[in-house]
């Protein structure tokens, strides 16, 4: 095959049509060499001789079969590569989908749990207002048991919250700030439960309207927090609304402080029964502590917001 030395060989990567291949002199020489080796062509004959028309037809058929073989091989390789690509693409898109779900879910999974905590806050504070508005001991007892049940469920939610945070490497805000908010809510539920228990233990002769007003202020704070927690899903967008809500909780706490001090002056001036005086004083302090506990929740939310903006 010295006549073909130095020329470009026919490659399976050559995607030219058979007509273009036939026009290539190197392909002609290759075919002539092959046919000469197989004694189907005379060494002195040219590919363009008129007397070799039948041989040229045979050569074209030969090239045609070569082209079919080559296209079949290329097609098989292409199909194999295509199948591999589709398989890799499915795997890659599946990984991307799981990563998106993981990161998207982990950013806001804490919001539903905190929202359920605020549900318990609203329910217990409403029951507390009703307790200070009735003299029925049995009704107070049922309300106290319901408040205690909510507090137990709140403890379970806090445990679930800690487990959720430990299993999420990426969240939207600082984990310590989130834990502070959740624990402040749990502490607030504890204060409300202790206050309801004190009402049953003390069995006061009467419950003044001032005490009911203090309980109502705590309930109002719970309602504000209940509307604030869902805003944590998009901190950047809801910064003004969250700040206003926290300010509202603080205002209610200041109003409760003023009401508490005024009530202290009232009972020390008008209550002659020392035992009842101690009962009223302790109940008022516990209600004021409940409003302080609500304020601690808002303070931790505000701290969470400030740290988010600092980052």
Protein backbone atom coordinates (compact mmCIF):
# COMPACT_ATOMS: atom_id res chain seq x y z
CA UNK A 1 0.00 0.00 0.00
CA UNK A 2 2.89 2.29 -0.85
CA UNK A 3 0.69 4.32 -3.15
CA UNK A 4 -1.48 5.27 -0.19
CA UNK A 5 1.36 6.14 2.15
CA UNK A 6 1.07 9.63 3.66
CA UNK A 7 -2.54 10.12 2.76
CA UNK A 8 -5.45 10.56 5.18
CA UNK A 9 -7.00 7.14 5.84
CA UNK A 10 -10.69 6.47 5.80
CA UNK A 11 -11.91 7.02 9.35
CA UNK A 12 -15.10 6.04 11.10
CA UNK A 13 -15.25 9.64 12.26
CA UNK A 14 -15.57 10.78 8.63
CA UNK A 15 -19.20 11.79 8.20
CA UNK A 16 -19.04 12.73 4.51
CA UNK A 17 -21.60 11.34 2.09
CA UNK A 18 -20.64 8.49 -0.29
CA UNK A 19 -20.60 10.86 -3.27
CA UNK A 20 -18.11 13.13 -1.49
CA UNK A 21 -16.02 10.14 -0.57
CA UNK A 22 -15.91 8.99 -4.18
CA UNK A 23 -14.64 12.40 -5.27
CA UNK A 24 -11.75 12.15 -2.82
CA UNK A 25 -8.64 10.90 -4.69
CA UNK A 26 -7.20 9.38 -1.51
CA UNK A 27 -10.31 7.26 -1.11
CA UNK A 28 -10.07 6.17 -4.73
CA UNK A 29 -6.45 5.14 -4.26
CA UNK A 30 -7.33 3.27 -1.08
CA UNK A 31 -10.10 1.37 -2.85
CA UNK A 32 -7.88 0.58 -5.82
CA UNK A 33 -5.17 -0.71 -3.50
CA UNK A 34 -7.69 -2.92 -1.72
CA UNK A 35 -9.01 -4.33 -4.99
CA UNK A 36 -5.48 -4.84 -6.34
CA UNK A 37 -4.61 -6.82 -3.23
CA UNK A 38 -7.74 -8.91 -3.76
CA UNK A 39 -6.89 -9.24 -7.51
CA UNK A 40 -10.09 -7.50 -8.53
CA UNK A 41 -8.25 -4.61 -10.20
CA UNK A 42 -5.25 -4.29 -12.52
CA UNK A 43 -2.39 -2.31 -11.09
CA UNK A 44 -2.00 -0.30 -14.29
CA UNK A 45 -5.63 0.66 -14.58
CA UNK A 46 -6.88 4.05 -13.54
CA UNK A 47 -10.05 4.70 -11.58
CA UNK A 48 -11.21 7.04 -14.35
CA UNK A 49 -10.63 4.69 -17.34
CA UNK A 50 -13.67 4.30 -19.57
CA UNK A 51 -12.96 0.62 -19.86
CA UNK A 52 -13.26 0.27 -16.16
CA UNK A 53 -16.88 1.37 -15.89
CA UNK A 54 -18.05 -1.90 -14.44
CA UNK A 55 -15.18 -1.87 -11.99
CA UNK A 56 -16.08 1.68 -10.92
CA UNK A 57 -19.63 0.51 -10.25
CA UNK A 58 -18.27 -2.30 -8.16
CA UNK A 59 -16.10 0.20 -6.34
CA UNK A 60 -19.09 2.46 -5.65
CA UNK A 61 -20.98 -0.50 -4.23
CA UNK A 62 -17.93 -1.30 -2.13
CA UNK A 63 -17.83 2.27 -0.81
CA UNK A 64 -21.55 2.15 -0.18
CA UNK A 65 -21.22 -0.89 2.06
CA UNK A 66 -18.29 0.75 3.84
CA UNK A 67 -20.47 3.80 4.43
CA UNK A 68 -23.29 1.65 5.78
CA UNK A 69 -20.94 -0.10 8.18
CA UNK A 70 -19.40 3.15 9.28
CA UNK A 71 -22.74 4.88 9.84
CA UNK A 72 -24.01 1.88 11.76
CA UNK A 73 -20.98 2.00 14.05
CA UNK A 74 -21.23 5.75 14.53
CA UNK A 75 -24.97 5.47 15.14
CA UNK A 76 -24.49 2.79 17.76
CA UNK A 77 -21.85 4.86 19.49
CA UNK A 78 -24.06 7.94 19.35
CA UNK A 79 -27.04 6.06 20.77
CA UNK A 80 -24.88 4.70 23.59
CA UNK A 81 -23.57 8.16 24.38
CA UNK A 82 -27.07 9.57 24.21
CA UNK A 83 -28.36 6.97 26.65
CA UNK A 84 -25.49 7.70 29.01
CA UNK A 85 -26.15 11.43 28.76
CA UNK A 86 -29.85 10.96 29.49
CA UNK A 87 -28.99 8.77 32.47
CA UNK A 88 -26.47 11.24 33.84
CA UNK A 89 -28.90 14.08 33.23
CA UNK A 90 -31.62 12.32 35.22
CA UNK A 91 -29.22 11.67 38.08
CA UNK A 92 -27.94 15.26 38.03
CA UNK A 93 -31.42 16.79 37.92
CA UNK A 94 -32.52 14.51 40.75
CA UNK A 95 -29.61 15.67 42.89
CA UNK A 96 -30.38 19.31 42.07
CA UNK A 97 -34.04 18.80 42.93
CA UNK A 98 -33.20 17.21 46.28
CA UNK A 99 -30.70 19.97 47.07
CA UNK A 100 -33.24 22.66 46.26
CA UNK A 101 -35.86 20.98 48.42
CA UNK A 102 -33.30 20.56 51.22
CA UNK A 103 -32.11 24.15 51.23
CA UNK A 104 -35.53 25.63 50.61
CA UNK A 105 -37.13 23.56 53.31
CA UNK A 106 -34.41 24.10 55.85
CA UNK A 107 -34.72 27.87 55.61
CA UNK A 108 -38.24 28.08 56.96
CA UNK A 109 -39.01 24.82 58.74
CA UNK A 110 -38.85 26.61 62.07
CA UNK A 111 -41.76 28.96 61.28
CA UNK A 112 -44.61 26.39 61.53
CA UNK A 113 -43.36 25.17 64.91
CA UNK A 114 -43.10 28.70 66.29
CA UNK A 115 -46.55 29.45 64.88
CA UNK A 116 -47.97 26.47 66.76
CA UNK A 117 -46.32 27.79 69.91
CA UNK A 118 -48.09 31.11 69.44
CA UNK A 119 -51.36 29.21 69.00
CA UNK A 120 -50.85 27.79 72.48
CA UNK A 121 -49.98 31.25 73.78
CA UNK A 122 -53.20 32.72 72.42
CA UNK A 123 -55.29 29.85 73.75
CA UNK A 124 -53.80 29.86 77.25
CA UNK A 125 -53.92 33.64 77.59
CA UNK A 126 -57.58 33.63 76.52
CA UNK A 127 -58.37 30.98 79.11
CA UNK A 128 -56.52 33.02 81.71
CA UNK A 129 -58.69 36.06 80.96
CA UNK A 130 -61.79 33.88 81.39
CA UNK A 131 -60.47 32.53 84.69
CA UNK A 132 -60.14 36.05 86.07
CA UNK A 133 -63.67 36.80 84.89
CA UNK A 134 -65.53 34.01 86.69
CA UNK A 135 -66.12 32.97 90.30
CA UNK A 136 -67.04 29.37 89.42
CA UNK A 137 -64.37 27.18 91.03
CA UNK A 138 -65.16 24.11 88.91
CA UNK A 139 -64.95 26.14 85.71
CA UNK A 140 -61.62 27.56 86.84
CA UNK A 141 -60.38 24.03 87.49
CA UNK A 142 -61.31 22.88 83.98
CA UNK A 143 -59.62 25.91 82.47
CA UNK A 144 -56.49 25.29 84.52
CA UNK A 145 -56.30 21.70 83.28
CA UNK A 146 -56.68 22.88 79.69
CA UNK A 147 -53.93 25.44 80.18
CA UNK A 148 -51.68 22.77 81.66
CA UNK A 149 -52.36 20.50 78.66
CA UNK A 150 -51.34 23.29 76.29
CA UNK A 151 -48.15 23.85 78.27
CA UNK A 152 -47.25 20.15 78.03
CA UNK A 153 -47.81 20.22 74.28
CA UNK A 154 -45.65 23.34 74.13
CA UNK A 155 -42.81 21.45 75.83
CA UNK A 156 -43.10 18.70 73.21
CA UNK A 157 -42.97 21.33 70.47
CA UNK A 158 -39.82 22.80 71.98
CA UNK A 159 -38.16 19.37 71.89
CA UNK A 160 -39.25 18.95 68.27
CA UNK A 161 -37.86 22.39 67.49
CA UNK A 162 -34.44 21.56 68.93
CA UNK A 163 -34.32 18.28 66.99
CA UNK A 164 -35.26 20.09 63.79
CA UNK A 165 -32.51 22.67 64.24
CA UNK A 166 -29.89 20.02 64.99
CA UNK A 167 -30.73 18.25 61.74
CA UNK A 168 -30.62 21.37 59.57
CA UNK A 169 -27.13 22.66 58.70
CA UNK A 170 -28.52 25.69 56.87
CA UNK A 171 -31.26 28.00 58.09
CA UNK A 172 -32.16 31.53 57.19
CA UNK A 173 -31.05 33.03 60.50
CA UNK A 174 -28.79 32.27 63.44
CA UNK A 175 -29.72 29.05 65.26
CA UNK A 176 -29.03 30.54 68.68
CA UNK A 177 -31.44 33.39 67.98
CA UNK A 178 -34.12 30.91 66.94
CA UNK A 179 -33.57 28.86 70.07
CA UNK A 180 -33.86 32.00 72.19
CA UNK A 181 -37.25 32.81 70.63
CA UNK A 182 -38.56 29.25 71.10
CA UNK A 183 -37.36 29.04 74.70
CA UNK A 184 -38.86 32.45 75.51
CA UNK A 185 -42.21 31.19 74.23
CA UNK A 186 -41.94 28.09 76.37
CA UNK A 187 -41.10 30.23 79.42
CA UNK A 188 -44.15 32.38 78.72
CA UNK A 189 -46.38 29.31 78.66
CA UNK A 190 -44.89 28.26 82.00
CA UNK A 191 -45.70 31.66 83.54
CA UNK A 192 -49.30 31.49 82.31
CA UNK A 193 -49.66 27.95 83.66
CA UNK A 194 -48.26 28.98 87.06
CA UNK A 195 -50.65 31.95 87.19
CA UNK A 196 -53.67 29.76 86.49
CA UNK A 197 -52.51 27.31 89.14
CA UNK A 198 -52.14 30.14 91.65
CA UNK A 199 -55.76 31.18 91.08
CA UNK A 200 -56.90 27.70 92.12
CA UNK A 201 -54.56 27.52 95.09
CA UNK A 202 -55.27 31.00 96.51
CA UNK A 203 -59.06 30.81 96.05
CA UNK A 204 -59.48 34.61 96.37
CA UNK A 205 -62.77 35.95 97.66
CA UNK A 206 -63.08 38.14 94.59
CA UNK A 207 -61.03 39.02 91.52
CA UNK A 208 -60.80 42.72 90.82
CA UNK A 209 -61.29 44.11 87.33
CA UNK A 210 -57.71 45.41 87.38
CA UNK A 211 -56.44 41.83 87.42
CA UNK A 212 -58.62 40.96 84.45
CA UNK A 213 -57.24 43.99 82.60
CA UNK A 214 -53.68 42.78 83.20
CA UNK A 215 -54.63 39.36 81.83
CA UNK A 216 -56.22 41.04 78.82
CA UNK A 217 -52.97 42.88 78.09
CA UNK A 218 -51.10 39.57 78.08
CA UNK A 219 -53.70 38.18 75.69
CA UNK A 220 -53.25 41.17 73.36
CA UNK A 221 -49.50 40.55 73.33
CA UNK A 222 -50.08 36.91 72.41
CA UNK A 223 -52.28 37.94 69.49
CA UNK A 224 -49.64 40.35 68.20
CA UNK A 225 -46.96 37.65 68.36
CA UNK A 226 -49.30 35.19 66.67
CA UNK A 227 -49.54 37.55 63.69
CA UNK A 228 -45.80 38.27 63.71
CA UNK A 229 -44.28 34.78 63.53
CA UNK A 230 -45.50 34.01 59.95
CA UNK A 231 -43.65 37.14 58.80
CA UNK A 232 -40.34 35.44 59.62
CA UNK A 233 -40.64 33.46 56.37
CA UNK A 234 -39.37 36.52 54.49
CA UNK A 235 -37.39 38.66 56.91
CA UNK A 236 -36.01 41.01 54.29
CA UNK A 237 -39.45 41.90 52.97
CA UNK A 238 -41.23 42.08 56.36
CA UNK A 239 -38.67 44.05 58.37
CA UNK A 240 -40.97 47.08 58.93
CA UNK A 241 -43.97 44.94 59.94
CA UNK A 242 -41.91 42.82 62.34
CA UNK A 243 -40.38 45.91 63.94
CA UNK A 244 -43.80 47.52 64.43
CA UNK A 245 -45.18 44.32 65.99
CA UNK A 246 -42.28 44.11 68.45
CA UNK A 247 -42.81 47.76 69.33
CA UNK A 248 -46.49 47.08 69.96
CA UNK A 249 -45.66 44.24 72.39
CA UNK A 250 -43.28 46.56 74.23
CA UNK A 251 -45.96 49.25 74.49
CA UNK A 252 -48.39 46.76 76.00
CA UNK A 253 -45.76 45.69 78.52
CA UNK A 254 -45.20 49.31 79.57
CA UNK A 255 -48.95 49.78 79.93
CA UNK A 256 -49.09 46.63 82.07
CA UNK A 257 -46.33 48.00 84.31
CA UNK A 258 -48.32 51.19 84.85
CA UNK A 259 -51.49 49.22 85.54
CA UNK A 260 -49.63 46.95 87.99
CA UNK A 261 -48.21 49.87 89.95
CA UNK A 262 -51.59 51.55 90.07
CA UNK A 263 -53.23 48.37 91.31
CA UNK A 264 -50.59 47.93 94.01
CA UNK A 265 -51.41 51.36 95.34
CA UNK A 266 -55.11 50.54 95.20
CA UNK A 267 -55.02 47.28 97.18
CA UNK A 268 -52.62 48.59 99.82
CA UNK A 269 -54.93 51.52 100.37
CA UNK A 270 -58.27 49.70 100.33
CA UNK A 271 -57.74 46.05 101.25
CA UNK A 272 -57.85 45.49 105.02
CA UNK A 273 -57.64 41.70 104.96
CA UNK A 274 -53.94 40.88 104.98
CA UNK A 275 -54.41 37.39 103.64
CA UNK A 276 -56.44 38.60 100.67
CA UNK A 277 -53.96 41.42 100.16
CA UNK A 278 -51.13 38.91 99.73
CA UNK A 279 -53.22 36.90 97.28
CA UNK A 280 -54.01 39.92 95.12
CA UNK A 281 -50.44 41.14 95.24
CA UNK A 282 -49.01 37.78 94.14
CA UNK A 283 -51.57 37.36 91.36
CA UNK A 284 -50.86 40.85 90.05
CA UNK A 285 -47.12 40.15 90.07
CA UNK A 286 -47.60 36.92 88.15
CA UNK A 287 -49.74 38.64 85.53
CA UNK A 288 -47.15 41.37 85.20
CA UNK A 289 -44.51 38.65 84.78
CA UNK A 290 -46.61 37.20 81.97
CA UNK A 291 -46.49 40.51 80.10
CA UNK A 292 -42.72 40.64 80.73
CA UNK A 293 -42.41 37.13 79.29
CA UNK A 294 -44.21 38.24 76.14
CA UNK A 295 -41.86 41.18 75.85
CA UNK A 296 -38.85 38.84 76.09
CA UNK A 297 -40.22 36.98 73.09
CA UNK A 298 -40.44 40.19 71.09
CA UNK A 299 -36.97 41.23 72.25
CA UNK A 300 -35.52 37.95 70.98
CA UNK A 301 -37.33 38.38 67.67
CA UNK A 302 -35.88 41.87 67.41
CA UNK A 303 -32.41 40.51 68.19
CA UNK A 304 -32.87 37.85 65.52
CA UNK A 305 -33.81 40.55 63.04
CA UNK A 306 -30.83 42.74 63.91
CA UNK A 307 -28.38 39.85 63.56
CA UNK A 308 -29.93 38.95 60.21
CA UNK A 309 -29.42 42.50 58.95
CA UNK A 310 -25.86 42.56 60.30
CA UNK A 311 -25.00 39.42 58.31
